[in-house]
Amino acid sequence: QVQLVESGGGLVQPGGSLRLSCAASGSIFSINVMGWYRQAPGKQRELVATITSGSSTGYGDSVKGRFTISRDNAKNTVSLQMNSLKPEDTAVYYCNVGGIYYSGGYFDYWGQGTQVTVSS
């Protein structure tokens, strides 16, 4: 089993910044891809950003230039620095981690979600 613990959501004014973090623990041999997704009310879950074990990154078009994803492979953590936040960034943000168990086999887990609200 793998456990994901997210932190860092909250309420922020437009133009402000927030930093989300997600820590993975459990029977982890290696983590391949870590990422953040978000889901706003009435909308489908969408990609925010991903990062591979080699630190290659990818971003959704709506967040390019404003958000930065990073990871600490030694601690199995992934972070999302969100700057210049807009009201349309309001959503529940989910951490996603994919990798390999110590016992073999692949895993793919989602965090419980953390609310980000951008409002004046």
PDB file of N, CA and C in Angstrom:
ATOM      1  N   GLN A   1       0.834  -1.197   0.000  1.00  0.00           N
ATOM      2  CA  GLN A   1       0.000   0.000   0.000  1.00  0.00           C
ATOM      3  C   GLN A   1       0.867   1.244   0.000  1.00  0.00           C
ATOM      4  N   VAL A   2       0.295   2.295  -0.555  1.00  0.00           N
ATOM      5  CA  VAL A   2       0.963   3.599  -0.592  1.00  0.00           C
ATOM      6  C   VAL A   2       0.001   4.637  -0.037  1.00  0.00           C
ATOM      7  N   GLN A   3       0.519   5.498   0.793  1.00  0.00           N
ATOM      8  CA  GLN A   3      -0.283   6.576   1.367  1.00  0.00           C
ATOM      9  C   GLN A   3       0.222   7.917   0.837  1.00  0.00           C
ATOM     10  N   LEU A   4      -0.717   8.784   0.505  1.00  0.00           N
ATOM     11  CA  LEU A   4      -0.406  10.134   0.052  1.00  0.00           C
ATOM     12  C   LEU A   4      -1.022  11.139   1.009  1.00  0.00           C
ATOM     13  N   VAL A   5      -0.221  12.092   1.447  1.00  0.00           N
ATOM     14  CA  VAL A   5      -0.709  13.141   2.341  1.00  0.00           C
ATOM     15  C   VAL A   5      -0.448  14.492   1.681  1.00  0.00           C
ATOM     16  N   GLU A   6      -1.525  15.206   1.424  1.00  0.00           N
ATOM     17  CA  GLU A   6      -1.446  16.509   0.772  1.00  0.00           C
ATOM     18  C   GLU A   6      -1.564  17.624   1.812  1.00  0.00           C
ATOM     19  N   SER A   7      -0.972  18.752   1.496  1.00  0.00           N
ATOM     20  CA  SER A   7      -1.078  19.911   2.378  1.00  0.00           C
ATOM     21  C   SER A   7      -0.895  21.176   1.569  1.00  0.00           C
ATOM     22  N   GLY A   8      -1.345  22.298   2.135  1.00  0.00           N
ATOM     23  CA  GLY A   8      -1.046  23.590   1.552  1.00  0.00           C
ATOM     24  C   GLY A   8      -2.180  24.326   0.888  1.00  0.00           C
ATOM     25  N   GLY A   9      -3.351  23.735   0.809  1.00  0.00           N
ATOM     26  CA  GLY A   9      -4.460  24.445   0.188  1.00  0.00           C
ATOM     27  C   GLY A   9      -4.972  25.561   1.081  1.00  0.00           C
ATOM     28  N   GLY A  10      -5.906  26.339   0.547  1.00  0.00           N
ATOM     29  CA  GLY A  10      -6.489  27.413   1.340  1.00  0.00           C
ATOM     30  C   GLY A  10      -7.109  28.486   0.493  1.00  0.00           C
ATOM     31  N   LEU A  11      -7.368  29.615   1.140  1.00  0.00           N
ATOM     32  CA  LEU A  11      -7.983  30.768   0.486  1.00  0.00           C
ATOM     33  C   LEU A  11      -6.914  31.817   0.215  1.00  0.00           C
ATOM     34  N   VAL A  12      -6.911  32.334  -1.005  1.00  0.00           N
ATOM     35  CA  VAL A  12      -5.928  33.346  -1.371  1.00  0.00           C
ATOM     36  C   VAL A  12      -6.586  34.359  -2.295  1.00  0.00           C
ATOM     37  N   GLN A  13      -6.103  35.576  -2.255  1.00  0.00           N
ATOM     38  CA  GLN A  13      -6.647  36.614  -3.128  1.00  0.00           C
ATOM     39  C   GLN A  13      -6.074  36.486  -4.533  1.00  0.00           C
ATOM     40  N   PRO A  14      -6.808  36.966  -5.526  1.00  0.00           N
ATOM     41  CA  PRO A  14      -6.268  36.969  -6.891  1.00  0.00           C
ATOM     42  C   PRO A  14      -4.902  37.653  -6.949  1.00  0.00           C
ATOM     43  N   GLY A  15      -3.987  37.024  -7.685  1.00  0.00           N
ATOM     44  CA  GLY A  15      -2.626  37.525  -7.767  1.00  0.00           C
ATOM     45  C   GLY A  15      -1.697  36.957  -6.717  1.00  0.00           C
ATOM     46  N   GLY A  16      -2.263  36.264  -5.756  1.00  0.00           N
ATOM     47  CA  GLY A  16      -1.468  35.701  -4.673  1.00  0.00           C
ATOM     48  C   GLY A  16      -0.827  34.376  -5.040  1.00  0.00           C
ATOM     49  N   SER A  17      -0.176  33.778  -4.045  1.00  0.00           N
ATOM     50  CA  SER A  17       0.554  32.525  -4.238  1.00  0.00           C
ATOM     51  C   SER A  17       0.182  31.509  -3.170  1.00  0.00           C
ATOM     52  N   LEU A  18       0.289  30.254  -3.554  1.00  0.00           N
ATOM     53  CA  LEU A  18       0.142  29.136  -2.632  1.00  0.00           C
ATOM     54  C   LEU A  18       1.110  28.050  -3.049  1.00  0.00           C
ATOM     55  N   ARG A  19       1.474  27.224  -2.078  1.00  0.00           N
ATOM     56  CA  ARG A  19       2.344  26.088  -2.367  1.00  0.00           C
ATOM     57  C   ARG A  19       1.688  24.826  -1.833  1.00  0.00           C
ATOM     58  N   LEU A  20       1.475  23.866  -2.710  1.00  0.00           N
ATOM     59  CA  LEU A  20       0.919  22.573  -2.327  1.00  0.00           C
ATOM     60  C   LEU A  20       2.047  21.552  -2.228  1.00  0.00           C
ATOM     61  N   SER A  21       1.891  20.625  -1.287  1.00  0.00           N
ATOM     62  CA  SER A  21       2.856  19.547  -1.141  1.00  0.00           C
ATOM     63  C   SER A  21       2.144  18.226  -0.988  1.00  0.00           C
ATOM     64  N   CYS A  22       2.803  17.164  -1.422  1.00  0.00           N
ATOM     65  CA  CYS A  22       2.251  15.814  -1.320  1.00  0.00           C
ATOM     66  C   CYS A  22       3.397  14.875  -0.969  1.00  0.00           C
ATOM     67  N   ALA A  23       3.219  14.117   0.098  1.00  0.00           N
ATOM     68  CA  ALA A  23       4.231  13.171   0.535  1.00  0.00           C
ATOM     69  C   ALA A  23       3.710  11.758   0.380  1.00  0.00           C
ATOM     70  N   ALA A  24       4.502  10.916  -0.255  1.00  0.00           N
ATOM     71  CA  ALA A  24       4.138   9.524  -0.464  1.00  0.00           C
ATOM     72  C   ALA A  24       4.946   8.638   0.472  1.00  0.00           C
ATOM     73  N   SER A  25       4.275   7.635   1.026  1.00  0.00           N
ATOM     74  CA  SER A  25       4.954   6.701   1.915  1.00  0.00           C
ATOM     75  C   SER A  25       4.343   5.328   1.747  1.00  0.00           C
ATOM     76  N   GLY A  26       5.075   4.311   2.221  1.00  0.00           N
ATOM     77  CA  GLY A  26       4.574   2.953   2.136  1.00  0.00           C
ATOM     78  C   GLY A  26       5.552   2.051   1.430  1.00  0.00           C
ATOM     79  N   SER A  27       5.011   1.047   0.788  1.00  0.00           N
ATOM     80  CA  SER A  27       5.820   0.012   0.164  1.00  0.00           C
ATOM     81  C   SER A  27       6.289   0.434  -1.236  1.00  0.00           C
ATOM     82  N   ILE A  28       7.141   1.460  -1.251  1.00  0.00           N
ATOM     83  CA  ILE A  28       7.546   2.079  -2.512  1.00  0.00           C
ATOM     84  C   ILE A  28       8.959   1.673  -2.885  1.00  0.00           C
ATOM     85  N   PHE A  29       9.107   1.054  -4.042  1.00  0.00           N
ATOM     86  CA  PHE A  29      10.441   0.764  -4.570  1.00  0.00           C
ATOM     87  C   PHE A  29      10.949   1.946  -5.375  1.00  0.00           C
ATOM     88  N   SER A  30      10.084   2.468  -6.211  1.00  0.00           N
ATOM     89  CA  SER A  30      10.446   3.651  -6.988  1.00  0.00           C
ATOM     90  C   SER A  30       9.176   4.373  -7.435  1.00  0.00           C
ATOM     91  N   ILE A  31       9.325   5.654  -7.648  1.00  0.00           N
ATOM     92  CA  ILE A  31       8.222   6.466  -8.154  1.00  0.00           C
ATOM     93  C   ILE A  31       8.601   6.985  -9.532  1.00  0.00           C
ATOM     94  N   ASN A  32       7.758   6.754 -10.502  1.00  0.00           N
ATOM     95  CA  ASN A  32       8.038   7.188 -11.859  1.00  0.00           C
ATOM     96  C   ASN A  32       7.531   8.607 -12.091  1.00  0.00           C
ATOM     97  N   VAL A  33       6.250   8.775 -12.046  1.00  0.00           N
ATOM     98  CA  VAL A  33       5.646  10.074 -12.334  1.00  0.00           C
ATOM     99  C   VAL A  33       4.864  10.560 -11.126  1.00  0.00           C
ATOM    100  N   MET A  34       5.017  11.834 -10.833  1.00  0.00           N
ATOM    101  CA  MET A  34       4.222  12.496  -9.806  1.00  0.00           C
ATOM    102  C   MET A  34       3.530  13.678 -10.469  1.00  0.00           C
ATOM    103  N   GLY A  35       2.327  13.951 -10.031  1.00  0.00           N
ATOM    104  CA  GLY A  35       1.615  15.036 -10.689  1.00  0.00           C
ATOM    105  C   GLY A  35       0.510  15.631  -9.852  1.00  0.00           C
ATOM    106  N   TRP A  36      -0.008  16.721 -10.358  1.00  0.00           N
ATOM    107  CA  TRP A  36      -1.150  17.404  -9.751  1.00  0.00           C
ATOM    108  C   TRP A  36      -2.247  17.556 -10.794  1.00  0.00           C
ATOM    109  N   TYR A  37      -3.457  17.298 -10.375  1.00  0.00           N
ATOM    110  CA  TYR A  37      -4.641  17.490 -11.192  1.00  0.00           C
ATOM    111  C   TYR A  37      -5.623  18.321 -10.375  1.00  0.00           C
ATOM    112  N   ARG A  38      -6.605  18.881 -11.056  1.00  0.00           N
ATOM    113  CA  ARG A  38      -7.597  19.649 -10.310  1.00  0.00           C
ATOM    114  C   ARG A  38      -8.977  19.441 -10.902  1.00  0.00           C
ATOM    115  N   GLN A  39      -9.973  19.665 -10.062  1.00  0.00           N
ATOM    116  CA  GLN A  39     -11.352  19.528 -10.505  1.00  0.00           C
ATOM    117  C   GLN A  39     -12.180  20.642  -9.891  1.00  0.00           C
ATOM    118  N   ALA A  40     -12.738  21.466 -10.741  1.00  0.00           N
ATOM    119  CA  ALA A  40     -13.626  22.540 -10.303  1.00  0.00           C
ATOM    120  C   ALA A  40     -15.064  22.034 -10.323  1.00  0.00           C
ATOM    121  N   PRO A  41     -15.955  22.645  -9.564  1.00  0.00           N
ATOM    122  CA  PRO A  41     -17.350  22.192  -9.540  1.00  0.00           C
ATOM    123  C   PRO A  41     -17.960  22.161 -10.930  1.00  0.00           C
ATOM    124  N   GLY A  42     -18.569  21.047 -11.263  1.00  0.00           N
ATOM    125  CA  GLY A  42     -19.233  20.910 -12.549  1.00  0.00           C
ATOM    126  C   GLY A  42     -18.321  20.671 -13.727  1.00  0.00           C
ATOM    127  N   LYS A  43     -17.029  20.505 -13.456  1.00  0.00           N
ATOM    128  CA  LYS A  43     -16.070  20.297 -14.541  1.00  0.00           C
ATOM    129  C   LYS A  43     -15.337  18.981 -14.360  1.00  0.00           C
ATOM    130  N   GLN A  44     -14.725  18.512 -15.454  1.00  0.00           N
ATOM    131  CA  GLN A  44     -13.940  17.296 -15.380  1.00  0.00           C
ATOM    132  C   GLN A  44     -12.577  17.569 -14.735  1.00  0.00           C
ATOM    133  N   ARG A  45     -12.002  16.518 -14.179  1.00  0.00           N
ATOM    134  CA  ARG A  45     -10.657  16.639 -13.621  1.00  0.00           C
ATOM    135  C   ARG A  45      -9.680  16.917 -14.767  1.00  0.00           C
ATOM    136  N   GLU A  46      -8.766  17.848 -14.542  1.00  0.00           N
ATOM    137  CA  GLU A  46      -7.827  18.218 -15.583  1.00  0.00           C
ATOM    138  C   GLU A  46      -6.393  18.201 -15.073  1.00  0.00           C
ATOM    139  N   LEU A  47      -5.477  18.006 -16.007  1.00  0.00           N
ATOM    140  CA  LEU A  47      -4.068  18.021 -15.681  1.00  0.00           C
ATOM    141  C   LEU A  47      -3.615  19.428 -15.302  1.00  0.00           C
ATOM    142  N   VAL A  48      -2.836  19.496 -14.219  1.00  0.00           N
ATOM    143  CA  VAL A  48      -2.174  20.753 -13.859  1.00  0.00           C
ATOM    144  C   VAL A  48      -0.701  20.662 -14.217  1.00  0.00           C
ATOM    145  N   ALA A  49      -0.016  19.649 -13.674  1.00  0.00           N
ATOM    146  CA  ALA A  49       1.411  19.502 -13.950  1.00  0.00           C
ATOM    147  C   ALA A  49       1.867  18.105 -13.582  1.00  0.00           C
ATOM    148  N   THR A  50       2.893  17.621 -14.289  1.00  0.00           N
ATOM    149  CA  THR A  50       3.504  16.344 -13.961  1.00  0.00           C
ATOM    150  C   THR A  50       5.019  16.488 -13.986  1.00  0.00           C
ATOM    151  N   ILE A  51       5.674  15.555 -13.287  1.00  0.00           N
ATOM    152  CA  ILE A  51       7.126  15.539 -13.271  1.00  0.00           C
ATOM    153  C   ILE A  51       7.595  14.095 -13.163  1.00  0.00           C
ATOM    154  N   THR A  52       8.569  13.744 -13.991  1.00  0.00           N
ATOM    155  CA  THR A  52       9.088  12.384 -13.997  1.00  0.00           C
ATOM    156  C   THR A  52      10.245  12.235 -13.011  1.00  0.00           C
ATOM    157  N   SER A  53      10.703  11.011 -12.864  1.00  0.00           N
ATOM    158  CA  SER A  53      11.837  10.765 -11.969  1.00  0.00           C
ATOM    159  C   SER A  53      13.104  11.461 -12.464  1.00  0.00           C
ATOM    160  N   GLY A  54      13.140  11.736 -13.749  1.00  0.00           N
ATOM    161  CA  GLY A  54      14.279  12.470 -14.313  1.00  0.00           C
ATOM    162  C   GLY A  54      14.067  13.960 -14.363  1.00  0.00           C
ATOM    163  N   SER A  55      12.977  14.423 -13.712  1.00  0.00           N
ATOM    164  CA  SER A  55      12.645  15.841 -13.594  1.00  0.00           C
ATOM    165  C   SER A  55      12.166  16.488 -14.882  1.00  0.00           C
ATOM    166  N   SER A  56      11.694  15.695 -15.816  1.00  0.00           N
ATOM    167  CA  SER A  56      11.020  16.279 -16.970  1.00  0.00           C
ATOM    168  C   SER A  56       9.622  16.700 -16.548  1.00  0.00           C
ATOM    169  N   THR A  57       9.224  17.888 -16.946  1.00  0.00           N
ATOM    170  CA  THR A  57       7.945  18.433 -16.494  1.00  0.00           C
ATOM    171  C   THR A  57       6.985  18.677 -17.648  1.00  0.00           C
ATOM    172  N   GLY A  58       5.704  18.685 -17.313  1.00  0.00           N
ATOM    173  CA  GLY A  58       4.661  19.025 -18.266  1.00  0.00           C
ATOM    174  C   GLY A  58       3.592  19.813 -17.543  1.00  0.00           C
ATOM    175  N   TYR A  59       2.975  20.768 -18.240  1.00  0.00           N
ATOM    176  CA  TYR A  59       1.986  21.642 -17.624  1.00  0.00           C
ATOM    177  C   TYR A  59       0.743  21.770 -18.490  1.00  0.00           C
ATOM    178  N   GLY A  60      -0.388  21.951 -17.821  1.00  0.00           N
ATOM    179  CA  GLY A  60      -1.598  22.293 -18.542  1.00  0.00           C
ATOM    180  C   GLY A  60      -1.454  23.705 -19.104  1.00  0.00           C
ATOM    181  N   ASP A  61      -2.097  23.959 -20.224  1.00  0.00           N
ATOM    182  CA  ASP A  61      -1.942  25.248 -20.895  1.00  0.00           C
ATOM    183  C   ASP A  61      -2.339  26.413 -19.999  1.00  0.00           C
ATOM    184  N   SER A  62      -3.342  26.217 -19.182  1.00  0.00           N
ATOM    185  CA  SER A  62      -3.867  27.322 -18.384  1.00  0.00           C
ATOM    186  C   SER A  62      -2.946  27.742 -17.240  1.00  0.00           C
ATOM    187  N   VAL A  63      -1.952  26.926 -16.915  1.00  0.00           N
ATOM    188  CA  VAL A  63      -1.080  27.250 -15.773  1.00  0.00           C
ATOM    189  C   VAL A  63       0.367  27.505 -16.180  1.00  0.00           C
ATOM    190  N   LYS A  64       0.681  27.318 -17.456  1.00  0.00           N
ATOM    191  CA  LYS A  64       2.057  27.512 -17.914  1.00  0.00           C
ATOM    192  C   LYS A  64       2.533  28.926 -17.604  1.00  0.00           C
ATOM    193  N   GLY A  65       3.739  29.001 -17.045  1.00  0.00           N
ATOM    194  CA  GLY A  65       4.313  30.300 -16.717  1.00  0.00           C
ATOM    195  C   GLY A  65       3.918  30.819 -15.350  1.00  0.00           C
ATOM    196  N   ARG A  66       2.942  30.172 -14.718  1.00  0.00           N
ATOM    197  CA  ARG A  66       2.490  30.624 -13.390  1.00  0.00           C
ATOM    198  C   ARG A  66       2.756  29.584 -12.309  1.00  0.00           C
ATOM    199  N   PHE A  67       2.653  28.317 -12.671  1.00  0.00           N
ATOM    200  CA  PHE A  67       2.844  27.239 -11.707  1.00  0.00           C
ATOM    201  C   PHE A  67       4.158  26.524 -11.991  1.00  0.00           C
ATOM    202  N   THR A  68       4.778  26.018 -10.916  1.00  0.00           N
ATOM    203  CA  THR A  68       6.016  25.260 -11.050  1.00  0.00           C
ATOM    204  C   THR A  68       5.923  24.008 -10.195  1.00  0.00           C
ATOM    205  N   ILE A  69       6.173  22.858 -10.824  1.00  0.00           N
ATOM    206  CA  ILE A  69       6.163  21.595 -10.110  1.00  0.00           C
ATOM    207  C   ILE A  69       7.595  21.174  -9.821  1.00  0.00           C
ATOM    208  N   SER A  70       7.798  20.570  -8.645  1.00  0.00           N
ATOM    209  CA  SER A  70       9.120  20.079  -8.276  1.00  0.00           C
ATOM    210  C   SER A  70       8.956  18.828  -7.423  1.00  0.00           C
ATOM    211  N   ARG A  71      10.035  18.073  -7.301  1.00  0.00           N
ATOM    212  CA  ARG A  71       9.962  16.864  -6.483  1.00  0.00           C
ATOM    213  C   ARG A  71      11.276  16.637  -5.761  1.00  0.00           C
ATOM    214  N   ASP A  72      11.179  15.918  -4.651  1.00  0.00           N
ATOM    215  CA  ASP A  72      12.345  15.492  -3.891  1.00  0.00           C
ATOM    216  C   ASP A  72      12.327  13.972  -3.897  1.00  0.00           C
ATOM    217  N   ASN A  73      13.172  13.383  -4.697  1.00  0.00           N
ATOM    218  CA  ASN A  73      13.152  11.924  -4.853  1.00  0.00           C
ATOM    219  C   ASN A  73      13.553  11.208  -3.564  1.00  0.00           C
ATOM    220  N   ALA A  74      14.407  11.806  -2.789  1.00  0.00           N
ATOM    221  CA  ALA A  74      14.849  11.173  -1.542  1.00  0.00           C
ATOM    222  C   ALA A  74      13.720  11.108  -0.520  1.00  0.00           C
ATOM    223  N   LYS A  75      12.827  12.087  -0.565  1.00  0.00           N
ATOM    224  CA  LYS A  75      11.725  12.151   0.404  1.00  0.00           C
ATOM    225  C   LYS A  75      10.394  11.719  -0.183  1.00  0.00           C
ATOM    226  N   ASN A  76      10.385  11.386  -1.468  1.00  0.00           N
ATOM    227  CA  ASN A  76       9.131  10.993  -2.146  1.00  0.00           C
ATOM    228  C   ASN A  76       8.057  12.064  -2.004  1.00  0.00           C
ATOM    229  N   THR A  77       8.449  13.289  -2.242  1.00  0.00           N
ATOM    230  CA  THR A  77       7.495  14.393  -2.168  1.00  0.00           C
ATOM    231  C   THR A  77       7.431  15.141  -3.495  1.00  0.00           C
ATOM    232  N   VAL A  78       6.289  15.715  -3.741  1.00  0.00           N
ATOM    233  CA  VAL A  78       6.093  16.566  -4.911  1.00  0.00           C
ATOM    234  C   VAL A  78       5.405  17.839  -4.447  1.00  0.00           C
ATOM    235  N   SER A  79       5.837  18.953  -5.001  1.00  0.00           N
ATOM    236  CA  SER A  79       5.283  20.241  -4.621  1.00  0.00           C
ATOM    237  C   SER A  79       4.819  20.998  -5.853  1.00  0.00           C
ATOM    238  N   LEU A  80       3.887  21.892  -5.632  1.00  0.00           N
ATOM    239  CA  LEU A  80       3.369  22.736  -6.708  1.00  0.00           C
ATOM    240  C   LEU A  80       3.356  24.174  -6.210  1.00  0.00           C
ATOM    241  N   GLN A  81       4.210  24.993  -6.761  1.00  0.00           N
ATOM    242  CA  GLN A  81       4.237  26.408  -6.437  1.00  0.00           C
ATOM    243  C   GLN A  81       3.304  27.127  -7.400  1.00  0.00           C
ATOM    244  N   MET A  82       2.300  27.780  -6.868  1.00  0.00           N
ATOM    245  CA  MET A  82       1.294  28.445  -7.681  1.00  0.00           C
ATOM    246  C   MET A  82       1.381  29.950  -7.465  1.00  0.00           C
ATOM    247  N   ASN A  83       1.729  30.663  -8.502  1.00  0.00           N
ATOM    248  CA  ASN A  83       1.844  32.118  -8.447  1.00  0.00           C
ATOM    249  C   ASN A  83       0.803  32.764  -9.364  1.00  0.00           C
ATOM    250  N   SER A  84       0.585  34.045  -9.159  1.00  0.00           N
ATOM    251  CA  SER A  84      -0.361  34.811  -9.982  1.00  0.00           C
ATOM    252  C   SER A  84      -1.696  34.092 -10.087  1.00  0.00           C
ATOM    253  N   LEU A  85      -2.201  33.667  -8.968  1.00  0.00           N
ATOM    254  CA  LEU A  85      -3.432  32.878  -8.961  1.00  0.00           C
ATOM    255  C   LEU A  85      -4.618  33.696  -9.438  1.00  0.00           C
ATOM    256  N   LYS A  86      -5.520  33.008 -10.133  1.00  0.00           N
ATOM    257  CA  LYS A  86      -6.722  33.618 -10.687  1.00  0.00           C
ATOM    258  C   LYS A  86      -7.945  32.935 -10.108  1.00  0.00           C
ATOM    259  N   PRO A  87      -9.084  33.598 -10.112  1.00  0.00           N
ATOM    260  CA  PRO A  87     -10.301  32.949  -9.615  1.00  0.00           C
ATOM    261  C   PRO A  87     -10.594  31.622 -10.327  1.00  0.00           C
ATOM    262  N   GLU A  88     -10.245  31.520 -11.589  1.00  0.00           N
ATOM    263  CA  GLU A  88     -10.500  30.280 -12.331  1.00  0.00           C
ATOM    264  C   GLU A  88      -9.571  29.138 -11.923  1.00  0.00           C
ATOM    265  N   ASP A  89      -8.610  29.410 -11.066  1.00  0.00           N
ATOM    266  CA  ASP A  89      -7.774  28.340 -10.508  1.00  0.00           C
ATOM    267  C   ASP A  89      -8.459  27.658  -9.321  1.00  0.00           C
ATOM    268  N   THR A  90      -9.580  28.190  -8.900  1.00  0.00           N
ATOM    269  CA  THR A  90     -10.310  27.601  -7.778  1.00  0.00           C
ATOM    270  C   THR A  90     -10.757  26.198  -8.122  1.00  0.00           C
ATOM    271  N   ALA A  91     -10.382  25.242  -7.278  1.00  0.00           N
ATOM    272  CA  ALA A  91     -10.690  23.834  -7.534  1.00  0.00           C
ATOM    273  C   ALA A  91     -10.179  23.004  -6.364  1.00  0.00           C
ATOM    274  N   VAL A  92     -10.528  21.740  -6.388  1.00  0.00           N
ATOM    275  CA  VAL A  92      -9.883  20.767  -5.510  1.00  0.00           C
ATOM    276  C   VAL A  92      -8.690  20.216  -6.273  1.00  0.00           C
ATOM    277  N   TYR A  93      -7.527  20.269  -5.648  1.00  0.00           N
ATOM    278  CA  TYR A  93      -6.296  19.812  -6.274  1.00  0.00           C
ATOM    279  C   TYR A  93      -5.922  18.439  -5.724  1.00  0.00           C
ATOM    280  N   TYR A  94      -5.615  17.530  -6.643  1.00  0.00           N
ATOM    281  CA  TYR A  94      -5.302  16.149  -6.287  1.00  0.00           C
ATOM    282  C   TYR A  94      -3.873  15.802  -6.685  1.00  0.00           C
ATOM    283  N   CYS A  95      -3.178  15.169  -5.778  1.00  0.00           N
ATOM    284  CA  CYS A  95      -1.855  14.628  -6.052  1.00  0.00           C
ATOM    285  C   CYS A  95      -2.024  13.228  -6.664  1.00  0.00           C
ATOM    286  N   ASN A  96      -1.199  12.907  -7.625  1.00  0.00           N
ATOM    287  CA  ASN A  96      -1.210  11.588  -8.254  1.00  0.00           C
ATOM    288  C   ASN A  96       0.214  11.063  -8.331  1.00  0.00           C
ATOM    289  N   VAL A  97       0.386   9.809  -7.926  1.00  0.00           N
ATOM    290  CA  VAL A  97       1.723   9.208  -7.900  1.00  0.00           C
ATOM    291  C   VAL A  97       1.662   7.824  -8.524  1.00  0.00           C
ATOM    292  N   GLY A  98       2.595   7.557  -9.418  1.00  0.00           N
ATOM    293  CA  GLY A  98       2.681   6.253 -10.047  1.00  0.00           C
ATOM    294  C   GLY A  98       4.076   5.684  -9.913  1.00  0.00           C
ATOM    295  N   GLY A  99       4.165   4.400  -9.598  1.00  0.00           N
ATOM    296  CA  GLY A  99       5.480   3.812  -9.423  1.00  0.00           C
ATOM    297  C   GLY A  99       5.433   2.314  -9.315  1.00  0.00           C
ATOM    298  N   ILE A 100       6.413   1.754  -8.608  1.00  0.00           N
ATOM    299  CA  ILE A 100       6.574   0.311  -8.479  1.00  0.00           C
ATOM    300  C   ILE A 100       6.673  -0.058  -7.004  1.00  0.00           C
ATOM    301  N   TYR A 101       5.942  -1.076  -6.598  1.00  0.00           N
ATOM    302  CA  TYR A 101       6.019  -1.590  -5.233  1.00  0.00           C
ATOM    303  C   TYR A 101       7.338  -2.341  -5.002  1.00  0.00           C
ATOM    304  N   TYR A 102       7.735  -2.434  -3.754  1.00  0.00           N
ATOM    305  CA  TYR A 102       8.884  -3.272  -3.402  1.00  0.00           C
ATOM    306  C   TYR A 102       8.643  -4.723  -3.818  1.00  0.00           C
ATOM    307  N   SER A 103       7.411  -5.157  -3.692  1.00  0.00           N
ATOM    308  CA  SER A 103       7.059  -6.542  -4.015  1.00  0.00           C
ATOM    309  C   SER A 103       6.898  -6.772  -5.514  1.00  0.00           C
ATOM    310  N   GLY A 104       7.065  -5.681  -6.291  1.00  0.00           N
ATOM    311  CA  GLY A 104       6.878  -5.800  -7.734  1.00  0.00           C
ATOM    312  C   GLY A 104       5.487  -5.352  -8.125  1.00  0.00           C
ATOM    313  N   GLY A 105       5.323  -4.994  -9.356  1.00  0.00           N
ATOM    314  CA  GLY A 105       4.024  -4.508  -9.800  1.00  0.00           C
ATOM    315  C   GLY A 105       3.929  -2.999  -9.715  1.00  0.00           C
ATOM    316  N   TYR A 106       3.078  -2.462 -10.550  1.00  0.00           N
ATOM    317  CA  TYR A 106       2.921  -1.015 -10.633  1.00  0.00           C
ATOM    318  C   TYR A 106       1.786  -0.530  -9.726  1.00  0.00           C
ATOM    319  N   PHE A 107       1.888   0.707  -9.303  1.00  0.00           N
ATOM    320  CA  PHE A 107       0.805   1.317  -8.559  1.00  0.00           C
ATOM    321  C   PHE A 107       0.506   2.708  -9.101  1.00  0.00           C
ATOM    322  N   ASP A 108      -0.701   3.157  -8.816  1.00  0.00           N
ATOM    323  CA  ASP A 108      -1.147   4.491  -9.204  1.00  0.00           C
ATOM    324  C   ASP A 108      -2.138   4.942  -8.129  1.00  0.00           C
ATOM    325  N   TYR A 109      -1.782   5.965  -7.384  1.00  0.00           N
ATOM    326  CA  TYR A 109      -2.606   6.423  -6.277  1.00  0.00           C
ATOM    327  C   TYR A 109      -2.946   7.891  -6.416  1.00  0.00           C
ATOM    328  N   TRP A 110      -4.104   8.231  -5.842  1.00  0.00           N
ATOM    329  CA  TRP A 110      -4.565   9.619  -5.775  1.00  0.00           C
ATOM    330  C   TRP A 110      -4.632  10.064  -4.321  1.00  0.00           C
ATOM    331  N   GLY A 111      -4.276  11.319  -4.085  1.00  0.00           N
ATOM    332  CA  GLY A 111      -4.457  11.899  -2.770  1.00  0.00           C
ATOM    333  C   GLY A 111      -5.923  12.212  -2.510  1.00  0.00           C
ATOM    334  N   GLN A 112      -6.201  12.667  -1.292  1.00  0.00           N
ATOM    335  CA  GLN A 112      -7.579  12.931  -0.889  1.00  0.00           C
ATOM    336  C   GLN A 112      -8.101  14.258  -1.432  1.00  0.00           C
ATOM    337  N   GLY A 113      -7.216  15.090  -1.913  1.00  0.00           N
ATOM    338  CA  GLY A 113      -7.611  16.378  -2.468  1.00  0.00           C
ATOM    339  C   GLY A 113      -7.476  17.495  -1.447  1.00  0.00           C
ATOM    340  N   THR A 114      -7.090  18.659  -1.934  1.00  0.00           N
ATOM    341  CA  THR A 114      -6.995  19.841  -1.078  1.00  0.00           C
ATOM    342  C   THR A 114      -7.633  21.018  -1.814  1.00  0.00           C
ATOM    343  N   GLN A 115      -8.450  21.759  -1.102  1.00  0.00           N
ATOM    344  CA  GLN A 115      -9.199  22.851  -1.721  1.00  0.00           C
ATOM    345  C   GLN A 115      -8.331  24.090  -1.872  1.00  0.00           C
ATOM    346  N   VAL A 116      -8.359  24.662  -3.066  1.00  0.00           N
ATOM    347  CA  VAL A 116      -7.735  25.958  -3.331  1.00  0.00           C
ATOM    348  C   VAL A 116      -8.834  26.904  -3.793  1.00  0.00           C
ATOM    349  N   THR A 117      -8.984  28.000  -3.084  1.00  0.00           N
ATOM    350  CA  THR A 117      -9.989  28.996  -3.432  1.00  0.00           C
ATOM    351  C   THR A 117      -9.309  30.337  -3.651  1.00  0.00           C
ATOM    352  N   VAL A 118      -9.534  30.901  -4.823  1.00  0.00           N
ATOM    353  CA  VAL A 118      -8.963  32.206  -5.173  1.00  0.00           C
ATOM    354  C   VAL A 118     -10.106  33.205  -5.267  1.00  0.00           C
ATOM    355  N   SER A 119     -10.141  34.095  -4.307  1.00  0.00           N
ATOM    356  CA  SER A 119     -11.262  35.032  -4.236  1.00  0.00           C
ATOM    357  C   SER A 119     -10.863  36.257  -3.430  1.00  0.00           C
ATOM    358  N   SER A 120     -11.436  37.388  -3.802  1.00  0.00           N
ATOM    359  CA  SER A 120     -11.207  38.609  -3.048  1.00  0.00           C
ATOM    360  C   SER A 120     -12.286  38.797  -1.991  1.00  0.00           C
TER     361      SER A 120
END
